Amino acid sequence: MRDARRDLIAAVLSGRLPKQYGVSVDLDDEVREELGDDFKGDRLDALLCAIQAAWAVSNKSFGIPQNAHIEEGWIVDPHCVET
């Protein structure tokens, strides 16, 4: 799992993050190591959520469908936007 986390971190940092997000990520070596070594993946999950949140605030509707129920929670992501 550590290798998978490190591969994902490398993808995010190398710019292989899909262009739809419109963000870039820069981490120092210490933070990168902490993300890779976190066996639960909570820190990496937080980073990925921050990337999605950064995309959402730059999106007109925050990526939430217009017909969304107001009391429902949403995971916002450019891949979930109806086109």
C-alpha atoms as a PDB file:
ATOM      1  CA  MET A   1       0.000   0.000   0.000  1.00  0.00           C
ATOM      2  CA  ARG A   2       2.902   2.353   0.696  1.00  0.00           C
ATOM      3  CA  ASP A   3       4.026   1.972  -2.912  1.00  0.00           C
ATOM      4  CA  ALA A   4       0.520   2.752  -4.150  1.00  0.00           C
ATOM      5  CA  ARG A   5       0.365   5.882  -1.979  1.00  0.00           C
ATOM      6  CA  ARG A   6       3.772   6.996  -3.203  1.00  0.00           C
ATOM      7  CA  ASP A   7       2.781   6.387  -6.831  1.00  0.00           C
ATOM      8  CA  LEU A   8      -0.326   8.505  -6.352  1.00  0.00           C
ATOM      9  CA  ILE A   9       1.681  11.286  -4.698  1.00  0.00           C
ATOM     10  CA  ALA A  10       4.194  11.202  -7.560  1.00  0.00           C
ATOM     11  CA  ALA A  11       1.352  11.453 -10.076  1.00  0.00           C
ATOM     12  CA  VAL A  12      -0.116  14.464  -8.305  1.00  0.00           C
ATOM     13  CA  LEU A  13       3.241  16.229  -8.051  1.00  0.00           C
ATOM     14  CA  SER A  14       4.361  15.449 -11.596  1.00  0.00           C
ATOM     15  CA  GLY A  15       1.416  17.208 -13.169  1.00  0.00           C
ATOM     16  CA  ARG A  16      -0.262  13.968 -14.226  1.00  0.00           C
ATOM     17  CA  LEU A  17      -3.231  15.211 -12.231  1.00  0.00           C
ATOM     18  CA  PRO A  18      -6.013  15.612 -14.764  1.00  0.00           C
ATOM     19  CA  LYS A  19      -6.131  19.101 -16.244  1.00  0.00           C
ATOM     20  CA  GLN A  20      -9.814  19.432 -15.304  1.00  0.00           C
ATOM     21  CA  TYR A  21      -8.779  20.252 -11.726  1.00  0.00           C
ATOM     22  CA  GLY A  22      -6.853  23.349 -12.779  1.00  0.00           C
ATOM     23  CA  VAL A  23      -4.501  23.178  -9.782  1.00  0.00           C
ATOM     24  CA  SER A  24      -0.923  22.235  -9.154  1.00  0.00           C
ATOM     25  CA  VAL A  25       0.501  20.819  -5.949  1.00  0.00           C
ATOM     26  CA  ASP A  26       3.920  21.449  -4.436  1.00  0.00           C
ATOM     27  CA  LEU A  27       5.021  19.527  -1.332  1.00  0.00           C
ATOM     28  CA  ASP A  28       8.318  19.581   0.493  1.00  0.00           C
ATOM     29  CA  ASP A  29      10.151  16.286   1.053  1.00  0.00           C
ATOM     30  CA  GLU A  30       9.052  15.950   4.681  1.00  0.00           C
ATOM     31  CA  VAL A  31       5.355  16.279   3.850  1.00  0.00           C
ATOM     32  CA  ARG A  32       5.704  13.924   0.887  1.00  0.00           C
ATOM     33  CA  GLU A  33       7.265  11.299   3.183  1.00  0.00           C
ATOM     34  CA  GLU A  34       4.527  11.753   5.790  1.00  0.00           C
ATOM     35  CA  LEU A  35       1.844  11.279   3.146  1.00  0.00           C
ATOM     36  CA  GLY A  36       3.497   8.126   1.838  1.00  0.00           C
ATOM     37  CA  ASP A  37       4.131   6.649   5.278  1.00  0.00           C
ATOM     38  CA  ASP A  38       0.630   7.230   6.679  1.00  0.00           C
ATOM     39  CA  PHE A  39      -0.584   3.625   6.673  1.00  0.00           C
ATOM     40  CA  LYS A  40      -4.249   4.630   6.946  1.00  0.00           C
ATOM     41  CA  GLY A  41      -3.947   7.072   4.040  1.00  0.00           C
ATOM     42  CA  ASP A  42      -5.817   9.778   5.933  1.00  0.00           C
ATOM     43  CA  ARG A  43      -3.306  12.493   5.083  1.00  0.00           C
ATOM     44  CA  LEU A  44      -3.272  11.566   1.422  1.00  0.00           C
ATOM     45  CA  ASP A  45      -7.065  11.512   1.461  1.00  0.00           C
ATOM     46  CA  ALA A  46      -7.021  15.035   2.911  1.00  0.00           C
ATOM     47  CA  LEU A  47      -4.726  16.196   0.111  1.00  0.00           C
ATOM     48  CA  LEU A  48      -7.006  14.696  -2.537  1.00  0.00           C
ATOM     49  CA  CYS A  49     -10.033  16.323  -0.881  1.00  0.00           C
ATOM     50  CA  ALA A  50      -8.217  19.672  -0.877  1.00  0.00           C
ATOM     51  CA  ILE A  51      -7.581  19.303  -4.615  1.00  0.00           C
ATOM     52  CA  GLN A  52     -11.275  18.628  -5.186  1.00  0.00           C
ATOM     53  CA  ALA A  53     -12.228  21.575  -2.973  1.00  0.00           C
ATOM     54  CA  ALA A  54      -9.865  23.877  -4.881  1.00  0.00           C
ATOM     55  CA  TRP A  55     -11.561  22.850  -8.105  1.00  0.00           C
ATOM     56  CA  ALA A  56     -15.024  23.295  -6.582  1.00  0.00           C
ATOM     57  CA  VAL A  57     -14.502  26.892  -5.468  1.00  0.00           C
ATOM     58  CA  SER A  58     -13.466  27.816  -8.996  1.00  0.00           C
ATOM     59  CA  ASN A  59     -16.590  26.189 -10.432  1.00  0.00           C
ATOM     60  CA  LYS A  60     -19.757  28.214 -10.916  1.00  0.00           C
ATOM     61  CA  SER A  61     -21.975  25.750  -9.049  1.00  0.00           C
ATOM     62  CA  PHE A  62     -19.230  24.174  -6.941  1.00  0.00           C
ATOM     63  CA  GLY A  63     -19.787  21.064  -9.067  1.00  0.00           C
ATOM     64  CA  ILE A  64     -23.150  20.371  -7.474  1.00  0.00           C
ATOM     65  CA  PRO A  65     -25.958  19.531  -9.912  1.00  0.00           C
ATOM     66  CA  GLN A  66     -28.755  22.107 -10.058  1.00  0.00           C
ATOM     67  CA  ASN A  67     -31.342  19.470  -9.191  1.00  0.00           C
ATOM     68  CA  ALA A  68     -29.410  18.281  -6.116  1.00  0.00           C
ATOM     69  CA  HIS A  69     -31.375  17.807  -2.926  1.00  0.00           C
ATOM     70  CA  ILE A  70     -30.379  20.606  -0.539  1.00  0.00           C
ATOM     71  CA  GLU A  71     -29.942  18.232   2.412  1.00  0.00           C
ATOM     72  CA  GLU A  72     -27.706  15.760   0.578  1.00  0.00           C
ATOM     73  CA  GLY A  73     -23.937  15.794   0.748  1.00  0.00           C
ATOM     74  CA  TRP A  74     -21.876  15.773  -2.430  1.00  0.00           C
ATOM     75  CA  ILE A  75     -18.378  14.777  -3.381  1.00  0.00           C
ATOM     76  CA  VAL A  76     -17.434  17.406  -5.908  1.00  0.00           C
ATOM     77  CA  ASP A  77     -15.188  16.416  -8.766  1.00  0.00           C
ATOM     78  CA  PRO A  78     -14.949  17.477 -12.399  1.00  0.00           C
ATOM     79  CA  HIS A  79     -15.597  13.881 -13.406  1.00  0.00           C
ATOM     80  CA  CYS A  80     -19.031  14.032 -11.758  1.00  0.00           C
ATOM     81  CA  VAL A  81     -20.255  17.158 -13.539  1.00  0.00           C
ATOM     82  CA  GLU A  82     -23.038  16.500 -15.987  1.00  0.00           C
ATOM     83  CA  THR A  83     -22.268  17.948 -19.396  1.00  0.00           C
END
